[in-house]
N, C-alpha and C. Protein backbone atom coordinates (compact mmCIF):
# COMPACT_ATOMS: atom_id res chain seq x y z
N UNK A 1 -47.43 255.01 369.84
CA UNK A 1 -46.30 255.14 370.74
C UNK A 1 -46.21 256.58 371.22
N UNK A 2 -45.71 256.75 372.43
CA UNK A 2 -45.57 258.06 373.03
C UNK A 2 -44.15 258.26 373.53
N UNK A 3 -43.63 259.47 373.31
CA UNK A 3 -42.34 259.84 373.89
C UNK A 3 -42.66 260.65 375.16
N UNK A 4 -42.06 260.24 376.25
CA UNK A 4 -42.26 260.90 377.53
C UNK A 4 -40.95 261.54 377.91
N UNK A 5 -40.99 262.85 378.16
CA UNK A 5 -39.83 263.61 378.67
C UNK A 5 -40.18 264.07 380.07
N UNK A 6 -39.36 263.77 381.03
CA UNK A 6 -39.58 264.20 382.41
C UNK A 6 -38.37 264.99 382.87
N UNK A 7 -38.62 266.18 383.37
CA UNK A 7 -37.57 267.03 383.96
C UNK A 7 -37.73 266.89 385.48
N UNK A 8 -36.72 266.34 386.14
CA UNK A 8 -36.84 266.07 387.58
C UNK A 8 -35.63 266.60 388.33
N UNK A 9 -35.73 266.59 389.66
CA UNK A 9 -34.60 266.96 390.51
C UNK A 9 -33.52 265.88 390.41
N UNK A 10 -32.25 266.27 390.37
CA UNK A 10 -31.17 265.28 390.21
C UNK A 10 -31.17 264.20 391.29
N UNK A 11 -31.49 264.54 392.53
CA UNK A 11 -31.43 263.56 393.62
C UNK A 11 -32.59 262.55 393.54
N UNK A 12 -33.54 262.75 392.64
CA UNK A 12 -34.65 261.80 392.49
C UNK A 12 -34.42 260.82 391.35
N UNK A 13 -33.31 260.92 390.63
CA UNK A 13 -33.07 260.05 389.47
C UNK A 13 -33.10 258.58 389.86
N UNK A 14 -32.40 258.18 390.89
CA UNK A 14 -32.38 256.77 391.26
C UNK A 14 -33.76 256.25 391.65
N UNK A 15 -34.54 257.07 392.38
CA UNK A 15 -35.89 256.68 392.75
C UNK A 15 -36.77 256.45 391.52
N UNK A 16 -36.68 257.35 390.55
CA UNK A 16 -37.47 257.23 389.33
C UNK A 16 -37.03 256.01 388.52
N UNK A 17 -35.70 255.85 388.39
CA UNK A 17 -35.18 254.70 387.65
C UNK A 17 -35.65 253.37 388.26
N UNK A 18 -35.55 253.26 389.57
CA UNK A 18 -35.98 252.04 390.26
C UNK A 18 -37.47 251.78 390.10
N UNK A 19 -38.29 252.84 390.21
CA UNK A 19 -39.72 252.70 390.08
C UNK A 19 -40.10 252.26 388.67
N UNK A 20 -39.43 252.82 387.65
CA UNK A 20 -39.73 252.43 386.28
C UNK A 20 -39.28 251.00 386.01
N UNK A 21 -38.16 250.61 386.59
CA UNK A 21 -37.69 249.23 386.41
C UNK A 21 -38.68 248.24 387.02
N UNK A 22 -39.32 248.63 388.14
CA UNK A 22 -40.29 247.76 388.81
C UNK A 22 -41.51 247.48 387.92
N UNK A 23 -41.86 248.43 387.05
CA UNK A 23 -43.03 248.22 386.18
C UNK A 23 -42.60 247.75 384.80
N UNK A 24 -41.32 247.41 384.65
CA UNK A 24 -40.85 246.81 383.40
C UNK A 24 -40.38 247.78 382.33
N UNK A 25 -40.12 249.03 382.69
CA UNK A 25 -39.61 250.01 381.74
C UNK A 25 -38.11 250.10 381.97
N UNK A 26 -37.32 249.59 381.00
CA UNK A 26 -35.87 249.57 381.14
C UNK A 26 -35.18 250.63 380.26
N UNK A 27 -35.74 250.89 379.08
CA UNK A 27 -35.08 251.79 378.15
C UNK A 27 -35.38 253.24 378.43
N UNK A 28 -34.32 254.02 378.67
CA UNK A 28 -34.49 255.45 378.88
C UNK A 28 -33.14 256.14 378.64
N UNK A 29 -33.21 257.43 378.39
CA UNK A 29 -32.02 258.26 378.27
C UNK A 29 -32.11 259.34 379.33
N UNK A 30 -31.03 259.54 380.05
CA UNK A 30 -30.99 260.61 381.09
C UNK A 30 -29.90 261.60 380.73
N UNK A 31 -30.24 262.87 380.80
CA UNK A 31 -29.31 263.94 380.44
C UNK A 31 -29.29 264.97 381.55
N UNK A 32 -28.11 265.46 381.89
CA UNK A 32 -28.00 266.56 382.85
C UNK A 32 -28.32 267.86 382.09
N UNK A 33 -29.28 268.60 382.61
CA UNK A 33 -29.69 269.87 382.00
C UNK A 33 -29.76 270.96 383.07
N UNK A 34 -29.95 272.18 382.63
CA UNK A 34 -30.13 273.30 383.55
C UNK A 34 -31.36 274.11 383.11
N UNK A 35 -32.09 274.63 384.08
CA UNK A 35 -33.24 275.45 383.75
C UNK A 35 -33.96 275.91 384.99
N UNK A 36 -35.05 276.65 384.75
CA UNK A 36 -35.91 277.04 385.87
C UNK A 36 -37.30 277.32 385.35
N UNK A 37 -38.24 277.19 386.23
CA UNK A 37 -39.64 277.54 385.95
C UNK A 37 -40.03 278.58 386.98
N UNK A 38 -41.05 278.24 387.76
CA UNK A 38 -41.47 279.16 388.81
C UNK A 38 -40.45 279.28 389.91
N UNK A 39 -39.55 278.30 389.99
CA UNK A 39 -38.55 278.27 391.05
C UNK A 39 -37.63 279.50 390.96
N UNK A 40 -37.34 279.95 389.77
CA UNK A 40 -36.58 281.16 389.47
C UNK A 40 -35.15 281.21 389.99
N UNK A 41 -34.63 280.15 390.54
CA UNK A 41 -33.26 280.15 391.02
C UNK A 41 -33.17 280.68 392.45
N UNK A 42 -31.93 280.99 392.85
CA UNK A 42 -31.69 281.46 394.20
C UNK A 42 -30.38 282.23 394.23
N UNK A 43 -30.12 282.91 395.36
CA UNK A 43 -28.85 283.64 395.52
C UNK A 43 -27.87 282.81 396.33
N UNK A 44 -26.62 282.89 395.96
CA UNK A 44 -25.55 282.23 396.71
C UNK A 44 -24.44 283.23 396.97
N UNK A 45 -23.60 282.91 397.95
CA UNK A 45 -22.47 283.76 398.27
C UNK A 45 -21.20 282.96 398.02
N UNK A 46 -20.28 283.56 397.25
CA UNK A 46 -18.98 282.92 396.96
C UNK A 46 -17.91 283.96 397.21
N UNK A 47 -16.99 283.64 398.09
CA UNK A 47 -15.89 284.54 398.47
C UNK A 47 -16.39 285.93 398.80
N UNK A 48 -17.47 285.95 399.56
CA UNK A 48 -18.00 287.23 400.07
C UNK A 48 -18.87 287.99 399.11
N UNK A 49 -19.07 287.49 397.90
CA UNK A 49 -19.88 288.19 396.90
C UNK A 49 -21.15 287.39 396.64
N UNK A 50 -22.25 288.08 396.60
CA UNK A 50 -23.52 287.43 396.33
C UNK A 50 -23.79 287.42 394.82
N UNK A 51 -24.31 286.30 394.34
CA UNK A 51 -24.67 286.22 392.93
C UNK A 51 -25.92 285.37 392.74
N UNK A 52 -26.58 285.60 391.63
CA UNK A 52 -27.85 284.91 391.33
C UNK A 52 -27.59 283.64 390.52
N UNK A 53 -28.11 282.51 391.01
CA UNK A 53 -28.07 281.25 390.29
C UNK A 53 -29.47 281.05 389.71
N UNK A 54 -29.62 281.33 388.41
CA UNK A 54 -30.97 281.28 387.83
C UNK A 54 -31.22 280.07 386.93
N UNK A 55 -30.19 279.33 386.60
CA UNK A 55 -30.37 278.06 385.87
C UNK A 55 -29.93 276.94 386.80
N UNK A 56 -30.91 276.20 387.32
CA UNK A 56 -30.65 275.19 388.32
C UNK A 56 -30.44 273.83 387.67
N UNK A 57 -29.60 272.97 388.27
CA UNK A 57 -29.36 271.65 387.70
C UNK A 57 -30.61 270.78 387.79
N UNK A 58 -30.93 270.10 386.69
CA UNK A 58 -32.04 269.17 386.62
C UNK A 58 -31.59 267.95 385.83
N UNK A 59 -32.43 266.92 385.81
CA UNK A 59 -32.21 265.74 384.96
C UNK A 59 -33.38 265.60 384.03
N UNK A 60 -33.09 265.39 382.74
CA UNK A 60 -34.16 265.13 381.76
C UNK A 60 -34.10 263.65 381.40
N UNK A 61 -35.21 262.95 381.65
CA UNK A 61 -35.35 261.55 381.31
C UNK A 61 -36.25 261.46 380.10
N UNK A 62 -35.80 260.71 379.06
CA UNK A 62 -36.60 260.53 377.86
C UNK A 62 -36.79 259.05 377.62
N UNK A 63 -38.03 258.68 377.21
CA UNK A 63 -38.31 257.28 376.87
C UNK A 63 -39.47 257.25 375.90
N UNK A 64 -39.51 256.19 375.10
CA UNK A 64 -40.65 255.96 374.20
C UNK A 64 -41.33 254.68 374.69
N UNK A 65 -42.63 254.77 374.90
CA UNK A 65 -43.39 253.65 375.45
C UNK A 65 -44.62 253.40 374.58
N UNK A 66 -45.17 252.18 374.64
CA UNK A 66 -46.44 251.94 373.94
C UNK A 66 -47.52 252.87 374.49
N UNK A 67 -48.42 253.32 373.62
CA UNK A 67 -49.47 254.25 374.04
C UNK A 67 -50.29 253.73 375.20
N UNK A 68 -50.51 252.42 375.24
CA UNK A 68 -51.33 251.82 376.29
C UNK A 68 -50.69 251.94 377.67
N UNK A 69 -49.38 252.13 377.73
CA UNK A 69 -48.67 252.21 379.04
C UNK A 69 -48.37 253.65 379.47
N UNK A 70 -48.77 254.62 378.67
CA UNK A 70 -48.42 256.01 378.94
C UNK A 70 -48.86 256.46 380.33
N UNK A 71 -50.13 256.29 380.69
CA UNK A 71 -50.63 256.74 381.99
C UNK A 71 -49.92 256.07 383.15
N UNK A 72 -49.67 254.77 383.00
CA UNK A 72 -48.95 254.02 384.06
C UNK A 72 -47.56 254.59 384.28
N UNK A 73 -46.85 254.89 383.18
CA UNK A 73 -45.49 255.45 383.27
C UNK A 73 -45.54 256.83 383.90
N UNK A 74 -46.48 257.65 383.48
CA UNK A 74 -46.60 259.01 384.04
C UNK A 74 -46.86 258.95 385.55
N UNK A 75 -47.81 258.11 385.97
CA UNK A 75 -48.13 257.98 387.41
C UNK A 75 -46.89 257.51 388.19
N UNK A 76 -46.12 256.58 387.60
CA UNK A 76 -44.94 256.07 388.29
C UNK A 76 -43.89 257.16 388.45
N UNK A 77 -43.67 257.95 387.40
CA UNK A 77 -42.67 259.04 387.49
C UNK A 77 -43.12 260.07 388.53
N UNK A 78 -44.39 260.47 388.46
CA UNK A 78 -44.89 261.49 389.40
C UNK A 78 -44.74 261.01 390.85
N UNK A 79 -45.12 259.78 391.11
CA UNK A 79 -45.01 259.24 392.47
C UNK A 79 -43.56 259.20 392.95
N UNK A 80 -42.66 258.78 392.09
CA UNK A 80 -41.26 258.63 392.48
C UNK A 80 -40.52 259.97 392.59
N UNK A 81 -40.91 260.96 391.77
CA UNK A 81 -40.17 262.22 391.73
C UNK A 81 -40.72 263.29 392.63
N UNK A 82 -41.94 263.11 393.15
CA UNK A 82 -42.59 264.18 393.91
C UNK A 82 -41.98 264.36 395.30
N UNK A 83 -41.66 265.61 395.63
CA UNK A 83 -41.29 265.98 396.99
C UNK A 83 -42.35 266.88 397.61
N UNK A 84 -43.20 267.46 396.76
CA UNK A 84 -44.22 268.39 397.23
C UNK A 84 -43.72 269.81 397.30
N UNK A 85 -42.50 270.06 396.89
CA UNK A 85 -41.94 271.41 396.93
C UNK A 85 -41.80 271.96 395.51
N UNK A 86 -41.68 273.28 395.43
CA UNK A 86 -41.49 273.91 394.12
C UNK A 86 -40.21 273.39 393.50
N UNK A 87 -40.23 273.16 392.17
CA UNK A 87 -39.04 272.68 391.50
C UNK A 87 -39.03 271.18 391.27
N UNK A 88 -40.13 270.47 391.60
CA UNK A 88 -40.17 269.04 391.40
C UNK A 88 -40.04 268.65 389.91
N UNK A 89 -40.49 269.50 389.01
CA UNK A 89 -40.30 269.24 387.59
C UNK A 89 -41.59 269.16 386.81
N UNK A 90 -41.46 268.70 385.55
CA UNK A 90 -42.60 268.58 384.64
C UNK A 90 -42.43 267.37 383.79
N UNK A 91 -43.55 266.92 383.20
CA UNK A 91 -43.56 265.80 382.26
C UNK A 91 -44.23 266.29 380.98
N UNK A 92 -43.61 265.97 379.84
CA UNK A 92 -44.17 266.30 378.54
C UNK A 92 -44.34 265.02 377.74
N UNK A 93 -45.43 264.93 376.98
CA UNK A 93 -45.74 263.72 376.21
C UNK A 93 -45.92 264.12 374.75
N UNK A 94 -45.27 263.35 373.86
CA UNK A 94 -45.33 263.58 372.42
C UNK A 94 -45.76 262.31 371.70
N UNK A 95 -46.42 262.47 370.56
CA UNK A 95 -46.72 261.33 369.70
C UNK A 95 -45.47 260.95 368.93
N UNK A 96 -45.25 259.64 368.76
CA UNK A 96 -44.13 259.14 367.98
C UNK A 96 -44.69 258.39 366.77
N UNK A 97 -44.30 258.80 365.58
CA UNK A 97 -44.82 258.20 364.36
C UNK A 97 -44.25 256.81 364.11
N UNK A 98 -42.98 256.60 364.41
CA UNK A 98 -42.35 255.33 364.11
C UNK A 98 -41.11 255.15 364.97
N UNK A 99 -40.78 253.90 365.24
CA UNK A 99 -39.54 253.54 365.93
C UNK A 99 -38.93 252.38 365.15
N UNK A 100 -37.63 252.40 364.94
CA UNK A 100 -36.92 251.34 364.20
C UNK A 100 -35.71 250.91 364.99
N UNK A 101 -35.60 249.62 365.27
CA UNK A 101 -34.38 249.08 365.90
C UNK A 101 -33.37 248.86 364.80
N UNK A 102 -32.25 249.51 364.88
CA UNK A 102 -31.22 249.46 363.85
C UNK A 102 -30.67 248.06 363.66
N UNK A 103 -30.47 247.33 364.76
CA UNK A 103 -29.85 246.01 364.70
C UNK A 103 -30.55 245.05 363.77
N UNK A 104 -31.91 244.98 363.84
CA UNK A 104 -32.61 243.97 363.06
C UNK A 104 -33.85 244.51 362.33
N UNK A 105 -34.00 245.82 362.26
CA UNK A 105 -35.09 246.47 361.52
C UNK A 105 -36.47 246.20 362.13
N UNK A 106 -36.54 245.84 363.43
CA UNK A 106 -37.84 245.76 364.09
C UNK A 106 -38.48 247.17 364.04
N UNK A 107 -39.81 247.21 363.91
CA UNK A 107 -40.50 248.48 363.81
C UNK A 107 -41.67 248.57 364.79
N UNK A 108 -42.06 249.79 365.10
CA UNK A 108 -43.19 250.03 365.99
C UNK A 108 -42.90 249.57 367.42
N UNK A 109 -43.92 249.06 368.10
CA UNK A 109 -43.76 248.63 369.49
C UNK A 109 -42.69 247.54 369.64
N UNK A 110 -42.51 246.72 368.61
CA UNK A 110 -41.47 245.67 368.69
C UNK A 110 -40.08 246.26 368.81
N UNK A 111 -39.88 247.47 368.34
CA UNK A 111 -38.57 248.10 368.40
C UNK A 111 -38.28 248.69 369.79
N UNK A 112 -39.29 248.80 370.62
CA UNK A 112 -39.09 249.34 371.93
C UNK A 112 -38.48 248.33 372.86
């Protein structure tokens, strides 16, 4: 099993959710986060004063999928989240040793 974390632009969340649902991936967690990479933020003006916004709003999507579906899920996220501009985000993949469904003690892929 693999845990996939994707950091994406907030306005792309619905596109990514819909694309994942189309390939049969329903379980995910989405969290509002802030950060920056190469994008480095930008300057804004509020009440005549300029200030630096260096932590930009992003969405972090987390899901655990069977190892055999990892590449398909990554391709789907990349296709749905890409704008071609700086700040589109990143995807991180981790190994998962075990998953347990609390309700009935299903384990491994059956718990997903």
